[in-house]
C-alpha cells in the first residue's frame, strides 16, 4: 500500500485510520476505484435563468467549463422536435465538462440550430461562453422552458470525464431553453455526478 510507505507506518495502521475517517464521514470508498475524500455537494439551482457561472459563484464555488467537442451535423429526430426545426436540418453540437473548484461535476451536450445561429461555434470558441456567443447572434436574453430529471448510471465515458467509477449514480437533466418570444434556442442534456451536486428546483 503506497500510503504505508509514504508515511512510514504499517498497512494495519493505514487501514485503521481510513476506517475511522470513513466512520466520521471524511472519506468514502468505491469498490474497484479506491478511497476518496468526501466533499460537500455543490448547490446548483434549476430555475428560469440558465447561468452556470452565476449558479456556481452563488454557491461559493469557482466555476469552469472545458470544451470537449464541437461539430455541425444533421439534427436527430428528437433534437429537431425540441428545437422546432425541420428533421435533418443542420445543428451545432457543443459537448463539454462543468467543474466546481477544479472538480468535475457534470458533462453536457447542447444543441443549437445552425440555420438560425450560423456563426455560433465560432463565437463560442472565441468567448468560451454560450451566453456571450448567443448575444453575438442577437439573443440578449433567454430562459429555461422545461427540464426533466432522471436517475442514471454512469457509462464508461461519463465515468472517465467525471472521475467516478463506471455504474456510479448520476443525475441526467434534459432541458429546452427559449428566447423571450418562447422560441426554442437550445436543447441540452447534462449528466451530474450524483454525490457532487444538490439540484434545487425553483418555481418561476
N, C-alpha and C. Protein backbone atom coordinates (compact mmCIF):
# COMPACT_ATOMS: atom_id res chain seq x y z
N UNK A 1 0.86 -1.19 0.00
CA UNK A 1 0.00 0.00 0.00
C UNK A 1 0.90 1.24 0.00
N UNK A 2 0.71 2.13 -0.98
CA UNK A 2 1.60 3.28 -1.15
C UNK A 2 1.57 4.23 0.05
N UNK A 3 0.39 4.37 0.70
CA UNK A 3 0.29 5.27 1.86
C UNK A 3 1.18 4.79 3.01
N UNK A 4 1.26 3.48 3.17
CA UNK A 4 2.10 2.95 4.25
C UNK A 4 3.55 3.33 4.03
N UNK A 5 4.03 3.19 2.81
CA UNK A 5 5.40 3.57 2.51
C UNK A 5 5.63 5.06 2.61
N UNK A 6 4.66 5.82 2.20
CA UNK A 6 4.80 7.28 2.21
C UNK A 6 4.93 7.82 3.62
N UNK A 7 4.13 7.25 4.54
CA UNK A 7 4.13 7.79 5.90
C UNK A 7 4.95 6.96 6.89
N UNK A 8 5.55 5.88 6.40
CA UNK A 8 6.43 5.09 7.24
C UNK A 8 5.71 4.32 8.34
N UNK A 9 4.50 3.84 8.04
CA UNK A 9 3.74 3.05 9.01
C UNK A 9 3.32 1.74 8.34
N UNK A 10 2.80 0.80 9.15
CA UNK A 10 2.39 -0.46 8.54
C UNK A 10 0.98 -0.36 7.95
N UNK A 11 0.62 -1.36 7.18
CA UNK A 11 -0.67 -1.33 6.48
C UNK A 11 -1.86 -1.35 7.43
N UNK A 12 -1.73 -2.03 8.54
CA UNK A 12 -2.84 -2.11 9.50
C UNK A 12 -3.16 -0.72 10.06
N UNK A 13 -2.13 0.09 10.28
CA UNK A 13 -2.36 1.44 10.77
C UNK A 13 -3.10 2.28 9.74
N UNK A 14 -2.71 2.14 8.48
CA UNK A 14 -3.39 2.87 7.40
C UNK A 14 -4.84 2.44 7.29
N UNK A 15 -5.08 1.15 7.33
CA UNK A 15 -6.46 0.64 7.22
C UNK A 15 -7.32 1.13 8.38
N UNK A 16 -6.75 1.12 9.58
CA UNK A 16 -7.49 1.59 10.75
C UNK A 16 -7.80 3.08 10.64
N UNK A 17 -6.83 3.87 10.16
CA UNK A 17 -7.03 5.31 10.01
C UNK A 17 -8.11 5.60 8.97
N UNK A 18 -8.08 4.87 7.85
CA UNK A 18 -9.09 5.07 6.81
C UNK A 18 -10.47 4.67 7.31
N UNK A 19 -10.53 3.58 8.09
CA UNK A 19 -11.82 3.14 8.63
C UNK A 19 -12.40 4.19 9.57
N UNK A 20 -11.54 4.79 10.40
CA UNK A 20 -12.01 5.82 11.33
C UNK A 20 -12.46 7.07 10.58
N UNK A 21 -11.73 7.44 9.53
CA UNK A 21 -12.13 8.60 8.74
C UNK A 21 -13.44 8.35 8.00
N UNK A 22 -13.63 7.10 7.53
CA UNK A 22 -14.89 6.76 6.86
C UNK A 22 -16.05 6.83 7.84
N UNK A 23 -15.81 6.37 9.08
CA UNK A 23 -16.85 6.43 10.10
C UNK A 23 -17.23 7.87 10.44
N UNK A 24 -16.24 8.76 10.35
CA UNK A 24 -16.50 10.18 10.62
C UNK A 24 -17.03 10.92 9.39
N UNK A 25 -17.16 10.20 8.26
CA UNK A 25 -17.69 10.81 7.05
C UNK A 25 -16.69 11.64 6.28
N UNK A 26 -15.39 11.48 6.57
CA UNK A 26 -14.37 12.28 5.90
C UNK A 26 -13.94 11.68 4.58
N UNK A 27 -14.04 10.36 4.45
CA UNK A 27 -13.70 9.68 3.19
C UNK A 27 -14.75 8.62 2.91
N UNK A 28 -14.78 8.17 1.66
CA UNK A 28 -15.65 7.05 1.30
C UNK A 28 -14.94 6.21 0.24
N UNK A 29 -15.26 4.94 0.22
CA UNK A 29 -14.59 4.03 -0.72
C UNK A 29 -15.55 3.55 -1.79
N UNK A 30 -15.00 3.28 -2.97
CA UNK A 30 -15.76 2.67 -4.06
C UNK A 30 -15.03 1.42 -4.49
N UNK A 31 -15.74 0.31 -4.53
CA UNK A 31 -15.12 -0.96 -4.88
C UNK A 31 -14.48 -0.88 -6.25
N UNK A 32 -13.22 -1.24 -6.31
CA UNK A 32 -12.50 -1.24 -7.57
C UNK A 32 -11.97 0.11 -7.99
N UNK A 33 -12.30 1.17 -7.23
CA UNK A 33 -11.86 2.52 -7.62
C UNK A 33 -10.92 3.13 -6.60
N UNK A 34 -11.14 2.85 -5.29
CA UNK A 34 -10.26 3.40 -4.28
C UNK A 34 -11.00 4.15 -3.19
N UNK A 35 -10.26 4.91 -2.42
CA UNK A 35 -10.81 5.71 -1.32
C UNK A 35 -10.74 7.18 -1.71
N UNK A 36 -11.84 7.89 -1.49
CA UNK A 36 -11.94 9.28 -1.93
C UNK A 36 -12.31 10.18 -0.76
N UNK A 37 -11.79 11.40 -0.79
CA UNK A 37 -12.15 12.40 0.22
C UNK A 37 -13.59 12.84 -0.03
N UNK A 38 -14.39 12.85 1.01
CA UNK A 38 -15.78 13.27 0.90
C UNK A 38 -15.85 14.79 0.82
N UNK A 39 -16.55 15.29 -0.20
CA UNK A 39 -16.70 16.73 -0.35
C UNK A 39 -18.17 17.11 -0.20
N UNK A 40 -18.39 18.34 0.21
CA UNK A 40 -19.76 18.83 0.34
C UNK A 40 -20.34 19.05 -1.04
N UNK A 41 -21.54 18.53 -1.31
CA UNK A 41 -22.14 18.71 -2.63
C UNK A 41 -22.34 20.18 -2.96
N UNK A 42 -22.17 20.50 -4.23
CA UNK A 42 -22.37 21.86 -4.70
C UNK A 42 -23.86 22.12 -4.91
N UNK A 43 -24.36 23.22 -4.35
CA UNK A 43 -25.75 23.61 -4.59
C UNK A 43 -25.86 24.17 -6.00
N UNK A 44 -26.79 23.60 -6.77
CA UNK A 44 -26.97 24.04 -8.16
C UNK A 44 -28.44 24.31 -8.40
N UNK A 45 -28.76 25.56 -8.69
CA UNK A 45 -30.15 25.97 -8.86
C UNK A 45 -30.64 25.70 -10.27
N UNK A 46 -31.85 25.15 -10.36
CA UNK A 46 -32.52 24.97 -11.65
C UNK A 46 -33.76 25.85 -11.63
N UNK A 47 -33.64 27.01 -12.24
CA UNK A 47 -34.75 27.95 -12.31
C UNK A 47 -34.90 28.45 -13.73
N UNK A 48 -35.58 29.57 -13.90
CA UNK A 48 -35.78 30.10 -15.24
C UNK A 48 -34.48 30.57 -15.86
N UNK A 49 -33.61 31.20 -15.07
CA UNK A 49 -32.36 31.72 -15.60
C UNK A 49 -31.34 30.60 -15.69
N UNK A 50 -30.72 30.49 -16.84
CA UNK A 50 -29.78 29.41 -17.09
C UNK A 50 -28.37 30.01 -17.14
N UNK A 51 -27.72 30.11 -16.00
CA UNK A 51 -26.42 30.76 -15.94
C UNK A 51 -25.48 29.94 -15.06
N UNK A 52 -24.68 29.10 -15.67
CA UNK A 52 -23.81 28.19 -14.94
C UNK A 52 -22.85 28.94 -14.01
N UNK A 53 -22.16 29.94 -14.54
CA UNK A 53 -21.16 30.65 -13.73
C UNK A 53 -21.81 31.36 -12.55
N UNK A 54 -22.96 31.97 -12.76
CA UNK A 54 -23.65 32.64 -11.66
C UNK A 54 -24.09 31.64 -10.60
N UNK A 55 -24.59 30.50 -11.03
CA UNK A 55 -25.01 29.45 -10.09
C UNK A 55 -23.86 29.02 -9.18
N UNK A 56 -22.72 28.76 -9.78
CA UNK A 56 -21.59 28.26 -9.00
C UNK A 56 -21.03 29.34 -8.08
N UNK A 57 -20.95 30.56 -8.57
CA UNK A 57 -20.43 31.64 -7.71
C UNK A 57 -21.36 31.89 -6.54
N UNK A 58 -22.68 31.77 -6.78
CA UNK A 58 -23.65 31.95 -5.69
C UNK A 58 -23.48 30.87 -4.63
N UNK A 59 -22.99 29.70 -5.03
CA UNK A 59 -22.77 28.60 -4.10
C UNK A 59 -21.39 28.68 -3.46
N UNK A 60 -20.63 29.75 -3.76
CA UNK A 60 -19.31 29.90 -3.18
C UNK A 60 -18.25 29.06 -3.85
N UNK A 61 -18.50 28.63 -5.09
CA UNK A 61 -17.55 27.80 -5.82
C UNK A 61 -16.97 28.58 -7.01
N UNK A 62 -15.81 28.14 -7.47
CA UNK A 62 -15.19 28.73 -8.65
C UNK A 62 -15.59 27.92 -9.87
N UNK A 63 -16.34 28.53 -10.81
CA UNK A 63 -16.83 27.78 -11.97
C UNK A 63 -15.79 27.70 -13.09
N UNK A 64 -15.88 26.62 -13.85
CA UNK A 64 -15.02 26.45 -15.02
C UNK A 64 -15.72 25.51 -15.99
N UNK A 65 -15.54 25.77 -17.28
CA UNK A 65 -16.06 24.87 -18.30
C UNK A 65 -14.94 24.51 -19.27
N UNK A 66 -14.92 23.27 -19.68
CA UNK A 66 -13.95 22.80 -20.67
C UNK A 66 -14.71 22.29 -21.89
N UNK A 67 -14.30 22.73 -23.06
CA UNK A 67 -14.92 22.26 -24.30
C UNK A 67 -14.30 20.92 -24.67
N UNK A 68 -15.13 19.91 -24.80
CA UNK A 68 -14.66 18.58 -25.19
C UNK A 68 -14.78 18.34 -26.69
N UNK A 69 -15.84 18.90 -27.29
CA UNK A 69 -16.07 18.65 -28.71
C UNK A 69 -17.08 19.64 -29.26
N UNK A 70 -16.88 20.09 -30.50
CA UNK A 70 -17.89 20.86 -31.22
C UNK A 70 -17.99 20.31 -32.63
N UNK A 71 -19.19 20.33 -33.17
CA UNK A 71 -19.37 19.88 -34.55
C UNK A 71 -20.69 20.42 -35.09
N UNK A 72 -20.83 20.39 -36.40
CA UNK A 72 -22.08 20.71 -37.06
C UNK A 72 -22.52 19.48 -37.84
N UNK A 73 -23.75 19.05 -37.61
CA UNK A 73 -24.26 17.83 -38.25
C UNK A 73 -25.77 17.96 -38.44
N UNK A 74 -26.37 16.92 -39.02
CA UNK A 74 -27.82 16.91 -39.19
C UNK A 74 -28.50 16.57 -37.86
N UNK A 75 -29.63 17.22 -37.62
CA UNK A 75 -30.35 17.00 -36.37
C UNK A 75 -31.00 15.63 -36.32
N UNK A 76 -30.92 14.99 -35.14
CA UNK A 76 -31.69 13.77 -34.91
C UNK A 76 -33.16 14.16 -34.73
N UNK A 77 -34.03 13.18 -34.79
CA UNK A 77 -35.47 13.46 -34.73
C UNK A 77 -35.86 14.20 -33.46
N UNK A 78 -35.38 13.74 -32.30
CA UNK A 78 -35.73 14.38 -31.03
C UNK A 78 -35.17 15.79 -30.95
N UNK A 79 -33.98 16.00 -31.50
CA UNK A 79 -33.37 17.32 -31.48
C UNK A 79 -34.17 18.31 -32.33
N UNK A 80 -34.58 17.87 -33.51
CA UNK A 80 -35.37 18.72 -34.39
C UNK A 80 -36.71 19.06 -33.75
N UNK A 81 -37.32 18.08 -33.11
CA UNK A 81 -38.61 18.31 -32.45
C UNK A 81 -38.47 19.32 -31.32
N UNK A 82 -37.41 19.17 -30.52
CA UNK A 82 -37.21 20.07 -29.38
C UNK A 82 -36.93 21.50 -29.83
N UNK A 83 -36.19 21.65 -30.92
CA UNK A 83 -35.82 22.98 -31.41
C UNK A 83 -36.84 23.55 -32.40
N UNK A 84 -37.84 22.74 -32.72
CA UNK A 84 -38.89 23.15 -33.65
C UNK A 84 -38.28 23.54 -35.00
N UNK A 85 -37.43 22.66 -35.51
CA UNK A 85 -36.83 22.85 -36.83
C UNK A 85 -37.16 21.63 -37.68
N UNK A 86 -36.86 21.70 -38.96
CA UNK A 86 -37.16 20.59 -39.87
C UNK A 86 -36.27 19.39 -39.57
N UNK A 87 -36.81 18.17 -39.66
CA UNK A 87 -35.99 16.97 -39.44
C UNK A 87 -34.78 16.96 -40.38
N UNK A 88 -33.63 16.66 -39.84
CA UNK A 88 -32.42 16.60 -40.65
C UNK A 88 -31.75 17.94 -40.88
N UNK A 89 -32.34 19.02 -40.41
CA UNK A 89 -31.72 20.34 -40.56
C UNK A 89 -30.42 20.39 -39.76
N UNK A 90 -29.48 21.20 -40.22
CA UNK A 90 -28.17 21.27 -39.58
C UNK A 90 -28.27 21.88 -38.17
N UNK A 91 -27.51 21.31 -37.27
CA UNK A 91 -27.42 21.83 -35.90
C UNK A 91 -25.96 21.90 -35.47
N UNK A 92 -25.68 22.82 -34.56
CA UNK A 92 -24.38 22.89 -33.91
C UNK A 92 -24.44 22.09 -32.61
N UNK A 93 -23.39 21.31 -32.36
CA UNK A 93 -23.31 20.49 -31.15
C UNK A 93 -22.11 20.94 -30.33
N UNK A 94 -22.35 21.16 -29.05
CA UNK A 94 -21.30 21.58 -28.12
C UNK A 94 -21.32 20.62 -26.94
N UNK A 95 -20.24 19.87 -26.76
CA UNK A 95 -20.10 18.97 -25.62
C UNK A 95 -18.97 19.46 -24.73
N UNK A 96 -19.20 19.38 -23.43
CA UNK A 96 -18.19 19.90 -22.52
C UNK A 96 -18.27 19.32 -21.13
N UNK A 97 -17.43 19.87 -20.27
CA UNK A 97 -17.30 19.42 -18.89
C UNK A 97 -17.45 20.64 -17.98
N UNK A 98 -18.31 20.52 -16.98
CA UNK A 98 -18.50 21.59 -15.99
C UNK A 98 -17.75 21.22 -14.71
N UNK A 99 -17.01 22.20 -14.18
CA UNK A 99 -16.22 21.97 -12.97
C UNK A 99 -16.53 23.01 -11.90
N UNK A 100 -16.40 22.60 -10.65
CA UNK A 100 -16.53 23.49 -9.49
C UNK A 100 -15.29 23.33 -8.65
N UNK A 101 -14.55 24.42 -8.46
CA UNK A 101 -13.28 24.38 -7.72
C UNK A 101 -12.34 23.33 -8.29
N UNK A 102 -12.36 23.20 -9.62
CA UNK A 102 -11.46 22.27 -10.29
C UNK A 102 -11.93 20.83 -10.31
N UNK A 103 -13.04 20.52 -9.66
CA UNK A 103 -13.57 19.16 -9.63
C UNK A 103 -14.71 19.02 -10.63
N UNK A 104 -14.67 18.03 -11.51
CA UNK A 104 -15.77 17.86 -12.48
C UNK A 104 -17.07 17.50 -11.78
N UNK A 105 -18.13 18.21 -12.13
CA UNK A 105 -19.44 17.90 -11.54
C UNK A 105 -20.45 17.45 -12.58
N UNK A 106 -20.20 17.72 -13.87
CA UNK A 106 -21.16 17.33 -14.89
C UNK A 106 -20.53 17.34 -16.27
N UNK A 107 -21.01 16.45 -17.12
CA UNK A 107 -20.75 16.55 -18.55
C UNK A 107 -22.04 17.03 -19.20
N UNK A 108 -21.93 17.62 -20.38
CA UNK A 108 -23.13 18.14 -21.01
C UNK A 108 -23.02 18.12 -22.53
N UNK A 109 -24.18 18.18 -23.18
CA UNK A 109 -24.27 18.32 -24.63
C UNK A 109 -25.38 19.31 -24.94
N UNK A 110 -25.08 20.34 -25.71
CA UNK A 110 -26.05 21.35 -26.08
C UNK A 110 -26.17 21.42 -27.60
N UNK A 111 -27.41 21.57 -28.06
CA UNK A 111 -27.70 21.58 -29.50
C UNK A 111 -28.35 22.91 -29.86
N UNK A 112 -27.89 23.52 -30.97
CA UNK A 112 -28.41 24.80 -31.44
C UNK A 112 -28.67 24.72 -32.94
N UNK A 113 -29.65 25.45 -33.41
CA UNK A 113 -29.95 25.50 -34.83
C UNK A 113 -28.81 26.20 -35.58
N UNK A 114 -28.22 25.51 -36.55
CA UNK A 114 -27.15 26.10 -37.35
C UNK A 114 -27.69 27.12 -38.34
N UNK A 115 -28.92 26.93 -38.77
CA UNK A 115 -29.51 27.89 -39.71
C UNK A 115 -29.79 29.22 -39.02
N UNK A 116 -30.29 29.14 -37.79
CA UNK A 116 -30.61 30.38 -37.06
C UNK A 116 -29.36 31.04 -36.51
N UNK A 117 -28.38 30.24 -36.08
CA UNK A 117 -27.16 30.77 -35.47
C UNK A 117 -25.93 30.27 -36.25
N UNK A 118 -25.72 30.76 -37.46
CA UNK A 118 -24.68 30.20 -38.33
C UNK A 118 -23.26 30.30 -37.78
N UNK A 119 -22.97 31.37 -37.01
CA UNK A 119 -21.60 31.56 -36.52
C UNK A 119 -21.46 31.25 -35.03
N UNK A 120 -22.40 30.50 -34.49
CA UNK A 120 -22.41 30.23 -33.05
C UNK A 120 -21.12 29.57 -32.58
N UNK A 121 -20.65 28.54 -33.25
CA UNK A 121 -19.46 27.83 -32.79
C UNK A 121 -18.22 28.71 -32.83
N UNK A 122 -18.13 29.56 -33.84
CA UNK A 122 -17.00 30.50 -33.90
C UNK A 122 -17.01 31.42 -32.69
N UNK A 123 -18.18 31.97 -32.38
CA UNK A 123 -18.30 32.85 -31.22
C UNK A 123 -18.02 32.09 -29.92
N UNK A 124 -18.49 30.85 -29.84
CA UNK A 124 -18.28 30.05 -28.63
C UNK A 124 -16.79 29.82 -28.38
N UNK A 125 -16.07 29.45 -29.42
CA UNK A 125 -14.64 29.20 -29.27
C UNK A 125 -13.89 30.47 -28.90
N UNK A 126 -14.39 31.62 -29.36
CA UNK A 126 -13.74 32.89 -29.04
C UNK A 126 -14.04 33.34 -27.61
N UNK A 127 -15.28 33.17 -27.18
CA UNK A 127 -15.71 33.71 -25.89
C UNK A 127 -15.71 32.68 -24.76
N UNK A 128 -15.75 31.38 -25.12
CA UNK A 128 -15.85 30.31 -24.12
C UNK A 128 -17.12 30.41 -23.29
N UNK A 129 -18.18 31.04 -23.86
CA UNK A 129 -19.42 31.26 -23.13
C UNK A 129 -20.61 31.15 -24.06
N UNK A 130 -21.58 30.30 -23.71
CA UNK A 130 -22.80 30.17 -24.51
C UNK A 130 -23.57 31.48 -24.51
N UNK A 131 -23.69 32.10 -23.34
CA UNK A 131 -24.44 33.36 -23.24
C UNK A 131 -23.83 34.44 -24.13
N UNK A 132 -22.50 34.55 -24.12
CA UNK A 132 -21.83 35.55 -24.95
C UNK A 132 -21.96 35.21 -26.43
N UNK A 133 -21.85 33.93 -26.76
CA UNK A 133 -21.97 33.52 -28.16
C UNK A 133 -23.37 33.79 -28.68
N UNK A 134 -24.39 33.51 -27.87
CA UNK A 134 -25.77 33.79 -28.28
C UNK A 134 -26.01 35.30 -28.40
N UNK A 135 -25.39 36.07 -27.54
CA UNK A 135 -25.56 37.52 -27.62
C UNK A 135 -25.01 38.04 -28.94
N UNK A 136 -23.89 37.49 -29.39
CA UNK A 136 -23.33 37.89 -30.68
C UNK A 136 -24.21 37.45 -31.84
N UNK A 137 -25.11 36.49 -31.58
CA UNK A 137 -26.05 36.03 -32.60
C UNK A 137 -27.41 36.70 -32.45
N UNK A 138 -27.49 37.73 -31.59
CA UNK A 138 -28.71 38.51 -31.47
C UNK A 138 -29.65 38.11 -30.35
N UNK A 139 -29.23 37.16 -29.49
CA UNK A 139 -30.06 36.74 -28.37
C UNK A 139 -29.56 37.42 -27.10
N UNK A 140 -30.26 38.46 -26.66
CA UNK A 140 -29.83 39.21 -25.50
C UNK A 140 -30.23 38.54 -24.19
N UNK A 141 -31.27 37.72 -24.22
CA UNK A 141 -31.73 37.07 -23.00
C UNK A 141 -32.45 35.78 -23.37
N UNK A 142 -32.42 34.81 -22.46
CA UNK A 142 -33.12 33.54 -22.68
C UNK A 142 -33.39 32.90 -21.33
N UNK A 143 -34.37 32.01 -21.32
CA UNK A 143 -34.77 31.36 -20.07
C UNK A 143 -35.00 29.87 -20.31
N UNK A 144 -35.09 29.15 -19.21
CA UNK A 144 -35.38 27.71 -19.27
C UNK A 144 -36.88 27.51 -19.39
N UNK A 145 -37.30 26.71 -20.37
CA UNK A 145 -38.73 26.42 -20.55
C UNK A 145 -39.12 25.13 -19.84
N UNK A 146 -38.33 24.08 -20.03
CA UNK A 146 -38.63 22.78 -19.41
C UNK A 146 -37.34 22.10 -18.99
N UNK A 147 -37.46 21.27 -17.95
CA UNK A 147 -36.34 20.43 -17.51
C UNK A 147 -36.90 19.12 -16.99
N UNK A 148 -36.32 18.02 -17.42
CA UNK A 148 -36.68 16.69 -16.91
C UNK A 148 -35.46 16.07 -16.24
N UNK A 149 -35.66 15.51 -15.04
CA UNK A 149 -34.58 14.90 -14.29
C UNK A 149 -34.79 13.39 -14.20
N UNK A 150 -33.73 12.64 -14.43
CA UNK A 150 -33.79 11.18 -14.38
C UNK A 150 -32.52 10.64 -13.73
N UNK A 151 -32.66 9.66 -12.85
CA UNK A 151 -31.50 8.99 -12.25
C UNK A 151 -30.95 7.97 -13.23
N UNK A 152 -29.64 7.96 -13.40
CA UNK A 152 -28.98 7.04 -14.33
C UNK A 152 -27.73 6.46 -13.68
N UNK A 153 -27.05 5.60 -14.42
CA UNK A 153 -25.75 5.09 -14.01
C UNK A 153 -24.72 5.54 -15.04
N UNK A 154 -23.56 5.94 -14.57
CA UNK A 154 -22.52 6.47 -15.45
C UNK A 154 -21.99 5.40 -16.39
N UNK A 155 -21.90 5.74 -17.69
CA UNK A 155 -21.25 4.83 -18.61
C UNK A 155 -19.74 5.08 -18.55
N UNK A 156 -18.99 4.35 -19.35
CA UNK A 156 -17.53 4.41 -19.26
C UNK A 156 -17.00 5.80 -19.57
N UNK A 157 -17.55 6.44 -20.60
CA UNK A 157 -17.07 7.77 -20.99
C UNK A 157 -17.40 8.81 -19.93
N UNK A 158 -18.62 8.78 -19.42
CA UNK A 158 -19.02 9.72 -18.37
C UNK A 158 -18.17 9.52 -17.12
N UNK A 159 -17.93 8.26 -16.76
CA UNK A 159 -17.12 7.96 -15.58
C UNK A 159 -15.71 8.50 -15.74
N UNK A 160 -15.16 8.39 -16.95
CA UNK A 160 -13.80 8.88 -17.20
C UNK A 160 -13.74 10.39 -17.01
N UNK A 161 -14.68 11.12 -17.60
CA UNK A 161 -14.67 12.58 -17.50
C UNK A 161 -14.97 13.07 -16.09
N UNK A 162 -15.88 12.40 -15.40
CA UNK A 162 -16.29 12.84 -14.07
C UNK A 162 -15.40 12.29 -12.95
N UNK A 163 -14.48 11.39 -13.34
CA UNK A 163 -13.57 10.76 -12.38
C UNK A 163 -14.35 10.00 -11.30
N UNK A 164 -15.29 9.22 -11.77
CA UNK A 164 -16.06 8.34 -10.89
C UNK A 164 -16.00 6.94 -11.48
N UNK A 165 -16.52 5.97 -10.76
CA UNK A 165 -16.49 4.60 -11.26
C UNK A 165 -17.65 4.38 -12.22
N UNK A 166 -17.43 3.53 -13.21
CA UNK A 166 -18.50 3.18 -14.14
C UNK A 166 -19.66 2.55 -13.37
N UNK A 167 -20.88 2.98 -13.65
CA UNK A 167 -22.05 2.49 -12.94
C UNK A 167 -22.42 3.32 -11.72
N UNK A 168 -21.59 4.33 -11.38
CA UNK A 168 -21.92 5.20 -10.24
C UNK A 168 -23.17 6.02 -10.55
N UNK A 169 -23.93 6.42 -9.53
CA UNK A 169 -25.16 7.17 -9.78
C UNK A 169 -24.89 8.56 -10.34
N UNK A 170 -25.66 8.93 -11.36
CA UNK A 170 -25.62 10.27 -11.93
C UNK A 170 -27.05 10.75 -12.12
N UNK A 171 -27.20 12.06 -12.23
CA UNK A 171 -28.50 12.67 -12.49
C UNK A 171 -28.48 13.29 -13.88
N UNK A 172 -29.39 12.86 -14.73
CA UNK A 172 -29.46 13.44 -16.08
C UNK A 172 -30.57 14.48 -16.13
N UNK A 173 -30.26 15.64 -16.68
CA UNK A 173 -31.28 16.65 -16.93
C UNK A 173 -31.39 16.84 -18.44
N UNK A 174 -32.62 16.96 -18.90
CA UNK A 174 -32.89 17.25 -20.31
C UNK A 174 -33.72 18.53 -20.34
N UNK A 175 -33.23 19.55 -21.00
CA UNK A 175 -33.89 20.85 -20.92
C UNK A 175 -34.00 21.52 -22.28
N UNK A 176 -34.95 22.42 -22.37
CA UNK A 176 -35.13 23.27 -23.54
C UNK A 176 -35.11 24.72 -23.06
N UNK A 177 -34.24 25.51 -23.64
CA UNK A 177 -34.16 26.94 -23.33
C UNK A 177 -34.74 27.74 -24.50
N UNK A 178 -35.43 28.81 -24.17
CA UNK A 178 -36.13 29.58 -25.20
C UNK A 178 -35.77 31.06 -25.09
N UNK A 179 -35.97 31.79 -26.21
CA UNK A 179 -35.76 33.23 -26.17
C UNK A 179 -36.98 33.89 -25.53
N UNK A 180 -37.00 35.20 -25.49
CA UNK A 180 -38.07 35.90 -24.80
C UNK A 180 -39.39 35.89 -25.58
N UNK A 181 -39.35 35.31 -26.78
CA UNK A 181 -40.58 35.10 -27.55
C UNK A 181 -41.01 33.64 -27.51
N UNK A 182 -40.41 32.88 -26.57
CA UNK A 182 -40.72 31.46 -26.36
C UNK A 182 -40.32 30.57 -27.53
N UNK A 183 -39.38 31.02 -28.33
CA UNK A 183 -38.88 30.21 -29.44
C UNK A 183 -37.66 29.42 -28.96
N UNK A 184 -37.63 28.11 -29.14
CA UNK A 184 -36.51 27.31 -28.64
C UNK A 184 -35.18 27.73 -29.27
N UNK A 185 -34.15 27.80 -28.44
CA UNK A 185 -32.82 28.12 -28.95
C UNK A 185 -31.79 27.06 -28.57
N UNK A 186 -32.06 26.28 -27.51
CA UNK A 186 -31.08 25.29 -27.06
C UNK A 186 -31.79 24.05 -26.52
N UNK A 187 -31.30 22.90 -26.95
CA UNK A 187 -31.77 21.61 -26.44
C UNK A 187 -30.57 20.96 -25.77
N UNK A 188 -30.65 20.77 -24.45
CA UNK A 188 -29.47 20.33 -23.73
C UNK A 188 -29.66 19.13 -22.83
N UNK A 189 -28.59 18.36 -22.70
CA UNK A 189 -28.50 17.25 -21.76
C UNK A 189 -27.32 17.51 -20.83
N UNK A 190 -27.50 17.29 -19.53
CA UNK A 190 -26.40 17.34 -18.57
C UNK A 190 -26.44 16.07 -17.73
N UNK A 191 -25.26 15.58 -17.38
CA UNK A 191 -25.15 14.39 -16.53
C UNK A 191 -24.31 14.77 -15.32
N UNK A 192 -24.96 14.93 -14.17
CA UNK A 192 -24.30 15.37 -12.95
C UNK A 192 -23.84 14.18 -12.11
N UNK A 193 -22.63 14.27 -11.56
CA UNK A 193 -22.16 13.26 -10.60
C UNK A 193 -23.09 13.30 -9.39
N UNK A 194 -23.69 12.17 -9.07
CA UNK A 194 -24.76 12.13 -8.07
C UNK A 194 -24.37 12.61 -6.69
N UNK A 195 -23.11 12.43 -6.30
CA UNK A 195 -22.71 12.80 -4.94
C UNK A 195 -22.01 14.15 -4.88
N UNK A 196 -22.02 14.90 -6.00
CA UNK A 196 -21.28 16.17 -6.02
C UNK A 196 -22.18 17.38 -6.17
N UNK A 197 -23.46 17.18 -6.41
CA UNK A 197 -24.36 18.31 -6.57
C UNK A 197 -25.67 18.08 -5.82
N UNK A 198 -26.26 19.18 -5.40
CA UNK A 198 -27.62 19.17 -4.89
C UNK A 198 -28.43 20.07 -5.82
N UNK A 199 -29.30 19.47 -6.62
CA UNK A 199 -30.08 20.23 -7.57
C UNK A 199 -31.32 20.80 -6.86
N UNK A 200 -31.46 22.11 -6.93
CA UNK A 200 -32.59 22.79 -6.30
C UNK A 200 -33.46 23.41 -7.39
N UNK A 201 -34.72 22.98 -7.45
CA UNK A 201 -35.63 23.45 -8.49
C UNK A 201 -36.45 24.61 -7.94
N UNK A 202 -36.41 25.73 -8.65
CA UNK A 202 -37.16 26.93 -8.25
C UNK A 202 -38.33 27.13 -9.20
N UNK A 203 -39.48 27.50 -8.63
CA UNK A 203 -40.63 27.84 -9.45
C UNK A 203 -40.40 29.19 -10.11
N UNK A 204 -40.94 29.40 -11.34
CA UNK A 204 -40.76 30.68 -11.99
C UNK A 204 -41.45 31.81 -11.22
